[in-house]
Amino acid sequence: MARVTVKITGLKELDQALGQLPKATGRAVLRKVLMEAGEPVAQAARANAPRLTLNLVETTDVGTKLTRRQASLHKSQSKDARAFSEVFVGTSDPAGMQDEFGNEHQAAEPWLRPAWDGKKDATLDRISNALWGEIERAAQRLARKAKRGR
């Protein structure tokens, strides 16, 4: 399985602003933005998915959890033991990997990678733009709480 790494430059100010929030708040803000930004990729993947049983369409989603097998593979391939926040787009159906990459009995029918390739630039822009707004809203909420004495 090919490992895809995306490097975004020019977001140092965003990272600093996120670092000024409490850790749990920053993680929640980042998770919310990543989940919202990943949804168009999931929609494109559902549109590309083979329609033989509709199972891939129904099981393709954006989330923070992996199946037990996916988690073990992710853990073995991950350089960072713990990322600050991660969101995954994919399917919980094991047949999805067979459709995407093929095997000795079946030709590959890529459906997830083309969705990512078609939406990655817009997704990365969506993340950087939405993150500023969410950080500002979280900071305003924290200021209101502090003013009330909580």
Foldseek 3Di string as FASTA:
>chain_A
DDDDDDDDPDCPVLVVLLVVDPLVLSQVLLQVLLQVLCAQLQVQLLVQDDVPPSQQNVFWGKAQDADPVVVVVCCVPDPDNDDSYDMDTGGNDPCRVCQQPNDPVGHHRRRNVVSCVVCVVVSVVSSSVSSVVSSVVSVVVVVVCVVVPD
